[in-house]
Amino acid sequence: MEPQGSRLLGARELDIRIHRLAFQILENHPRADFVLVGIHRRGVPLARRIARVLESERPDIPVGTLDITFYHDDPRNLNVADSTGRTDIPFPTANRHVILVDDVLYTGRTIRAAIDGLLDIGRPSRIELAVLVDRGHRELPIQPDYCGLVRPTGPSEYLRVLLREQDGQDGLFVVQNKNDPV
């Protein structure tokens, strides 16, 4: 079922944006060793897709997953039942170049939590950020290094990314209520 709202990108356009992200990363790192870490929920399949796009140029790019449930800065909003996954980083991150991957960048608080979680595992030599969509309205001084689409939103608008791995279809929608059914 599609969310209530208007479609910004269909499956084909979303795939093009993912390819754009992958090639931006490759352009900046033609020979450098890096790893991808997807932030649960939708950052995980995005990181895996980016790695698949780059397979012909860079086979075996390590991909890890990061659950930031316990790193959020507002404990009043913490609901352990909403925990979306588990951290699985089967490679050392210390002294590595880590590219965090997420679907939507908004206030920057999720990325701050992800950095905290990553630093608890090891101290990377560098951390970069790849996001599918940057919707603006930052509360923290965090900017993406790689971005598939910049789409500023109004105060009552939300962006909903659907990915076939989790939602059965690909798409990007503007919705008026962040709790609209998916």
C-alpha atoms as a PDB file:
ATOM      1  CA  MET A   1       0.000   0.000   0.000  1.00  0.00           C
ATOM      2  CA  GLU A   2       1.312   3.440  -0.910  1.00  0.00           C
ATOM      3  CA  PRO A   3       1.400   6.190   1.703  1.00  0.00           C
ATOM      4  CA  GLN A   4      -1.100   9.007   1.558  1.00  0.00           C
ATOM      5  CA  GLY A   5       0.647  11.813  -0.311  1.00  0.00           C
ATOM      6  CA  SER A   6       2.380  12.542  -3.560  1.00  0.00           C
ATOM      7  CA  ARG A   7       5.041  10.454  -5.243  1.00  0.00           C
ATOM      8  CA  LEU A   8       8.321  12.277  -5.833  1.00  0.00           C
ATOM      9  CA  LEU A   9      10.290   9.345  -7.218  1.00  0.00           C
ATOM     10  CA  GLY A  10       9.276   5.996  -8.608  1.00  0.00           C
ATOM     11  CA  ALA A  11      11.391   2.842  -8.588  1.00  0.00           C
ATOM     12  CA  ARG A  12      13.459   3.782 -11.664  1.00  0.00           C
ATOM     13  CA  GLU A  13      14.226   7.301 -10.419  1.00  0.00           C
ATOM     14  CA  LEU A  14      15.127   5.986  -6.976  1.00  0.00           C
ATOM     15  CA  ASP A  15      17.523   3.480  -8.537  1.00  0.00           C
ATOM     16  CA  ILE A  16      19.188   6.299 -10.510  1.00  0.00           C
ATOM     17  CA  ARG A  17      19.706   8.250  -7.259  1.00  0.00           C
ATOM     18  CA  ILE A  18      21.287   5.208  -5.619  1.00  0.00           C
ATOM     19  CA  HIS A  19      23.640   4.800  -8.579  1.00  0.00           C
ATOM     20  CA  ARG A  20      24.477   8.506  -8.307  1.00  0.00           C
ATOM     21  CA  LEU A  21      25.433   8.025  -4.642  1.00  0.00           C
ATOM     22  CA  ALA A  22      27.615   5.029  -5.493  1.00  0.00           C
ATOM     23  CA  PHE A  23      29.495   6.851  -8.225  1.00  0.00           C
ATOM     24  CA  GLN A  24      29.976   9.971  -6.084  1.00  0.00           C
ATOM     25  CA  ILE A  25      31.664   7.745  -3.512  1.00  0.00           C
ATOM     26  CA  LEU A  26      33.791   6.039  -6.164  1.00  0.00           C
ATOM     27  CA  GLU A  27      34.799   9.401  -7.638  1.00  0.00           C
ATOM     28  CA  ASN A  28      36.080  10.588  -4.246  1.00  0.00           C
ATOM     29  CA  HIS A  29      37.717   7.247  -3.412  1.00  0.00           C
ATOM     30  CA  PRO A  30      39.147   5.805  -6.620  1.00  0.00           C
ATOM     31  CA  ARG A  31      41.754   3.777  -4.727  1.00  0.00           C
ATOM     32  CA  ALA A  32      41.106   4.364  -1.042  1.00  0.00           C
ATOM     33  CA  ASP A  33      39.917   1.551   1.169  1.00  0.00           C
ATOM     34  CA  PHE A  34      36.520   2.235   2.757  1.00  0.00           C
ATOM     35  CA  VAL A  35      33.656   0.396   4.411  1.00  0.00           C
ATOM     36  CA  LEU A  36      29.924   1.090   4.357  1.00  0.00           C
ATOM     37  CA  VAL A  37      27.789   1.059   7.502  1.00  0.00           C
ATOM     38  CA  GLY A  38      24.032   1.269   7.033  1.00  0.00           C
ATOM     39  CA  ILE A  39      21.924   2.784   9.800  1.00  0.00           C
ATOM     40  CA  HIS A  40      18.866   0.688  10.637  1.00  0.00           C
ATOM     41  CA  ARG A  41      16.259   0.653   9.089  1.00  0.00           C
ATOM     42  CA  ARG A  42      16.496   1.856   5.529  1.00  0.00           C
ATOM     43  CA  GLY A  43      20.184   2.761   5.565  1.00  0.00           C
ATOM     44  CA  VAL A  44      20.996  -0.946   5.657  1.00  0.00           C
ATOM     45  CA  PRO A  45      19.471  -1.928   2.288  1.00  0.00           C
ATOM     46  CA  LEU A  46      20.787   1.328   0.787  1.00  0.00           C
ATOM     47  CA  ALA A  47      24.349   0.486   1.865  1.00  0.00           C
ATOM     48  CA  ARG A  48      23.986  -3.006   0.382  1.00  0.00           C
ATOM     49  CA  ARG A  49      22.657  -1.593  -2.893  1.00  0.00           C
ATOM     50  CA  ILE A  50      25.520   0.903  -3.117  1.00  0.00           C
ATOM     51  CA  ALA A  51      27.998  -1.952  -2.598  1.00  0.00           C
ATOM     52  CA  ARG A  52      26.274  -3.970  -5.363  1.00  0.00           C
ATOM     53  CA  VAL A  53      26.465  -1.016  -7.780  1.00  0.00           C
ATOM     54  CA  LEU A  54      30.200  -0.724  -7.095  1.00  0.00           C
ATOM     55  CA  GLU A  55      30.939  -4.471  -7.355  1.00  0.00           C
ATOM     56  CA  SER A  56      32.406  -4.256 -10.856  1.00  0.00           C
ATOM     57  CA  GLU A  57      34.856  -1.541  -9.774  1.00  0.00           C
ATOM     58  CA  ARG A  58      35.297  -2.555  -6.145  1.00  0.00           C
ATOM     59  CA  PRO A  59      34.381  -6.144  -5.356  1.00  0.00           C
ATOM     60  CA  ASP A  60      33.900  -7.118  -1.729  1.00  0.00           C
ATOM     61  CA  ILE A  61      33.228  -3.715  -0.164  1.00  0.00           C
ATOM     62  CA  PRO A  62      32.531  -4.538   3.483  1.00  0.00           C
ATOM     63  CA  VAL A  63      29.011  -3.587   4.618  1.00  0.00           C
ATOM     64  CA  GLY A  64      27.962  -3.414   8.255  1.00  0.00           C
ATOM     65  CA  THR A  65      24.733  -2.526  10.038  1.00  0.00           C
ATOM     66  CA  LEU A  66      24.255  -0.162  12.970  1.00  0.00           C
ATOM     67  CA  ASP A  67      21.316  -0.054  15.393  1.00  0.00           C
ATOM     68  CA  ILE A  68      21.257   3.317  17.167  1.00  0.00           C
ATOM     69  CA  THR A  69      18.246   2.675  19.413  1.00  0.00           C
ATOM     70  CA  PHE A  70      20.171   3.288  22.638  1.00  0.00           C
ATOM     71  CA  TYR A  71      22.147   6.267  21.322  1.00  0.00           C
ATOM     72  CA  HIS A  72      19.266   8.689  20.746  1.00  0.00           C
ATOM     73  CA  ASP A  73      19.580  11.901  22.741  1.00  0.00           C
ATOM     74  CA  ASP A  74      15.976  12.024  23.971  1.00  0.00           C
ATOM     75  CA  PRO A  75      15.348   9.103  26.352  1.00  0.00           C
ATOM     76  CA  ARG A  76      11.662  10.073  26.600  1.00  0.00           C
ATOM     77  CA  ASN A  77      11.254   8.938  23.015  1.00  0.00           C
ATOM     78  CA  LEU A  78      13.153   5.672  23.524  1.00  0.00           C
ATOM     79  CA  ASN A  79      10.968   2.634  23.021  1.00  0.00           C
ATOM     80  CA  VAL A  80      12.923  -0.597  23.140  1.00  0.00           C
ATOM     81  CA  ALA A  81      10.045  -2.334  21.356  1.00  0.00           C
ATOM     82  CA  ASP A  82      10.806  -0.088  18.357  1.00  0.00           C
ATOM     83  CA  SER A  83      14.383  -1.344  18.143  1.00  0.00           C
ATOM     84  CA  THR A  84      14.821  -1.999  14.461  1.00  0.00           C
ATOM     85  CA  GLY A  85      17.718  -4.367  14.231  1.00  0.00           C
ATOM     86  CA  ARG A  86      21.074  -5.219  15.584  1.00  0.00           C
ATOM     87  CA  THR A  87      24.531  -3.899  15.076  1.00  0.00           C
ATOM     88  CA  ASP A  88      26.548  -6.228  12.893  1.00  0.00           C
ATOM     89  CA  ILE A  89      29.916  -4.844  11.878  1.00  0.00           C
ATOM     90  CA  PRO A  90      32.019  -7.937  11.122  1.00  0.00           C
ATOM     91  CA  PHE A  91      35.175  -5.956  10.399  1.00  0.00           C
ATOM     92  CA  PRO A  92      37.336  -3.599  12.447  1.00  0.00           C
ATOM     93  CA  THR A  93      36.395   0.077  12.209  1.00  0.00           C
ATOM     94  CA  ALA A  94      39.451   1.401  14.053  1.00  0.00           C
ATOM     95  CA  ASN A  95      41.656   3.390  11.689  1.00  0.00           C
ATOM     96  CA  ARG A  96      39.282   2.665   8.779  1.00  0.00           C
ATOM     97  CA  HIS A  97      37.456   5.020   6.483  1.00  0.00           C
ATOM     98  CA  VAL A  98      33.741   4.552   7.310  1.00  0.00           C
ATOM     99  CA  ILE A  99      30.893   5.842   5.179  1.00  0.00           C
ATOM    100  CA  LEU A 100      27.615   5.956   7.132  1.00  0.00           C
ATOM    101  CA  VAL A 101      24.534   5.408   4.957  1.00  0.00           C
ATOM    102  CA  ASP A 102      20.977   6.521   5.735  1.00  0.00           C
ATOM    103  CA  ASP A 103      17.825   7.226   3.761  1.00  0.00           C
ATOM    104  CA  VAL A 104      16.808  10.742   4.896  1.00  0.00           C
ATOM    105  CA  LEU A 105      18.822  13.465   6.601  1.00  0.00           C
ATOM    106  CA  TYR A 106      16.665  15.871   8.584  1.00  0.00           C
ATOM    107  CA  THR A 107      17.693  17.311  11.973  1.00  0.00           C
ATOM    108  CA  GLY A 108      21.035  15.474  12.169  1.00  0.00           C
ATOM    109  CA  ARG A 109      20.179  13.751  15.448  1.00  0.00           C
ATOM    110  CA  THR A 110      20.126  10.250  13.944  1.00  0.00           C
ATOM    111  CA  ILE A 111      23.567  10.801  12.454  1.00  0.00           C
ATOM    112  CA  ARG A 112      24.912  12.128  15.760  1.00  0.00           C
ATOM    113  CA  ALA A 113      23.603   8.982  17.450  1.00  0.00           C
ATOM    114  CA  ALA A 114      25.169   6.828  14.728  1.00  0.00           C
ATOM    115  CA  ILE A 115      28.548   8.495  15.206  1.00  0.00           C
ATOM    116  CA  ASP A 116      28.326   7.839  18.953  1.00  0.00           C
ATOM    117  CA  GLY A 117      27.506   4.182  18.283  1.00  0.00           C
ATOM    118  CA  LEU A 118      30.322   3.860  15.773  1.00  0.00           C
ATOM    119  CA  LEU A 119      32.859   5.397  18.157  1.00  0.00           C
ATOM    120  CA  ASP A 120      31.891   2.862  20.828  1.00  0.00           C
ATOM    121  CA  ILE A 121      32.981   0.114  18.433  1.00  0.00           C
ATOM    122  CA  GLY A 122      36.296   1.670  17.379  1.00  0.00           C
ATOM    123  CA  ARG A 123      37.811   4.960  16.285  1.00  0.00           C
ATOM    124  CA  PRO A 124      37.635   5.298  12.493  1.00  0.00           C
ATOM    125  CA  SER A 125      40.274   7.379  10.754  1.00  0.00           C
ATOM    126  CA  ARG A 126      37.465   9.229   8.961  1.00  0.00           C
ATOM    127  CA  ILE A 127      33.654   9.186   8.891  1.00  0.00           C
ATOM    128  CA  GLU A 128      31.649  10.390   5.895  1.00  0.00           C
ATOM    129  CA  LEU A 129      27.905  10.476   5.322  1.00  0.00           C
ATOM    130  CA  ALA A 130      25.881   9.287   2.326  1.00  0.00           C
ATOM    131  CA  VAL A 131      22.132   9.961   2.295  1.00  0.00           C
ATOM    132  CA  LEU A 132      19.499   9.314  -0.305  1.00  0.00           C
ATOM    133  CA  VAL A 133      17.573  12.526   0.498  1.00  0.00           C
ATOM    134  CA  ASP A 134      18.508  15.698   2.368  1.00  0.00           C
ATOM    135  CA  ARG A 135      15.337  17.466   3.495  1.00  0.00           C
ATOM    136  CA  GLY A 136      16.999  20.345   5.365  1.00  0.00           C
ATOM    137  CA  HIS A 137      15.955  21.758   8.761  1.00  0.00           C
ATOM    138  CA  ARG A 138      19.152  20.796  10.583  1.00  0.00           C
ATOM    139  CA  GLU A 139      19.355  21.155  14.362  1.00  0.00           C
ATOM    140  CA  LEU A 140      22.968  19.990  14.477  1.00  0.00           C
ATOM    141  CA  PRO A 141      25.905  21.010  12.254  1.00  0.00           C
ATOM    142  CA  ILE A 142      25.865  17.837  10.152  1.00  0.00           C
ATOM    143  CA  GLN A 143      25.993  17.805   6.352  1.00  0.00           C
ATOM    144  CA  PRO A 144      26.113  14.904   3.896  1.00  0.00           C
ATOM    145  CA  ASP A 145      29.256  14.192   1.892  1.00  0.00           C
ATOM    146  CA  TYR A 146      27.163  12.344  -0.705  1.00  0.00           C
ATOM    147  CA  CYS A 147      23.523  13.041  -1.487  1.00  0.00           C
ATOM    148  CA  GLY A 148      21.131  11.570  -4.047  1.00  0.00           C
ATOM    149  CA  LEU A 149      18.515  14.345  -3.820  1.00  0.00           C
ATOM    150  CA  VAL A 150      18.023  17.624  -1.961  1.00  0.00           C
ATOM    151  CA  ARG A 151      14.321  18.144  -1.244  1.00  0.00           C
ATOM    152  CA  PRO A 152      13.522  20.867   1.317  1.00  0.00           C
ATOM    153  CA  THR A 153      10.241  20.262   3.095  1.00  0.00           C
ATOM    154  CA  GLY A 154       7.673  22.452   4.760  1.00  0.00           C
ATOM    155  CA  PRO A 155       7.033  22.275   8.487  1.00  0.00           C
ATOM    156  CA  SER A 156       4.108  19.879   8.062  1.00  0.00           C
ATOM    157  CA  GLU A 157       5.652  17.700   5.339  1.00  0.00           C
ATOM    158  CA  TYR A 158       7.511  14.439   5.776  1.00  0.00           C
ATOM    159  CA  LEU A 159       9.424  12.319   3.304  1.00  0.00           C
ATOM    160  CA  ARG A 160       8.733   8.605   3.216  1.00  0.00           C
ATOM    161  CA  VAL A 161      11.228   6.327   1.480  1.00  0.00           C
ATOM    162  CA  LEU A 162       9.996   2.886   0.493  1.00  0.00           C
ATOM    163  CA  LEU A 163      12.511   0.169  -0.354  1.00  0.00           C
ATOM    164  CA  ARG A 164      11.595  -3.164  -1.869  1.00  0.00           C
ATOM    165  CA  GLU A 165      13.706  -5.063   0.674  1.00  0.00           C
ATOM    166  CA  GLN A 166      11.500  -3.837   3.518  1.00  0.00           C
ATOM    167  CA  ASP A 167       8.374  -2.418   1.921  1.00  0.00           C
ATOM    168  CA  GLY A 168       7.916  -4.537  -1.199  1.00  0.00           C
ATOM    169  CA  GLN A 169       8.360  -1.539  -3.510  1.00  0.00           C
ATOM    170  CA  ASP A 170      10.657   1.410  -4.176  1.00  0.00           C
ATOM    171  CA  GLY A 171       9.545   5.020  -4.060  1.00  0.00           C
ATOM    172  CA  LEU A 172       9.837   8.410  -2.415  1.00  0.00           C
ATOM    173  CA  PHE A 173       6.723  10.183  -1.201  1.00  0.00           C
ATOM    174  CA  VAL A 174       5.814  13.491   0.413  1.00  0.00           C
ATOM    175  CA  VAL A 175       3.258  12.882   3.162  1.00  0.00           C
ATOM    176  CA  GLN A 176       1.504  15.283   5.507  1.00  0.00           C
ATOM    177  CA  ASN A 177       1.587  12.988   8.528  1.00  0.00           C
ATOM    178  CA  LYS A 178       4.692  11.012   9.462  1.00  0.00           C
ATOM    179  CA  ASN A 179       2.435   8.241  10.767  1.00  0.00           C
ATOM    180  CA  ASP A 180       0.643   7.690   7.456  1.00  0.00           C
ATOM    181  CA  PRO A 181       0.407   3.949   6.747  1.00  0.00           C
ATOM    182  CA  VAL A 182       3.010   2.399   4.539  1.00  0.00           C
END
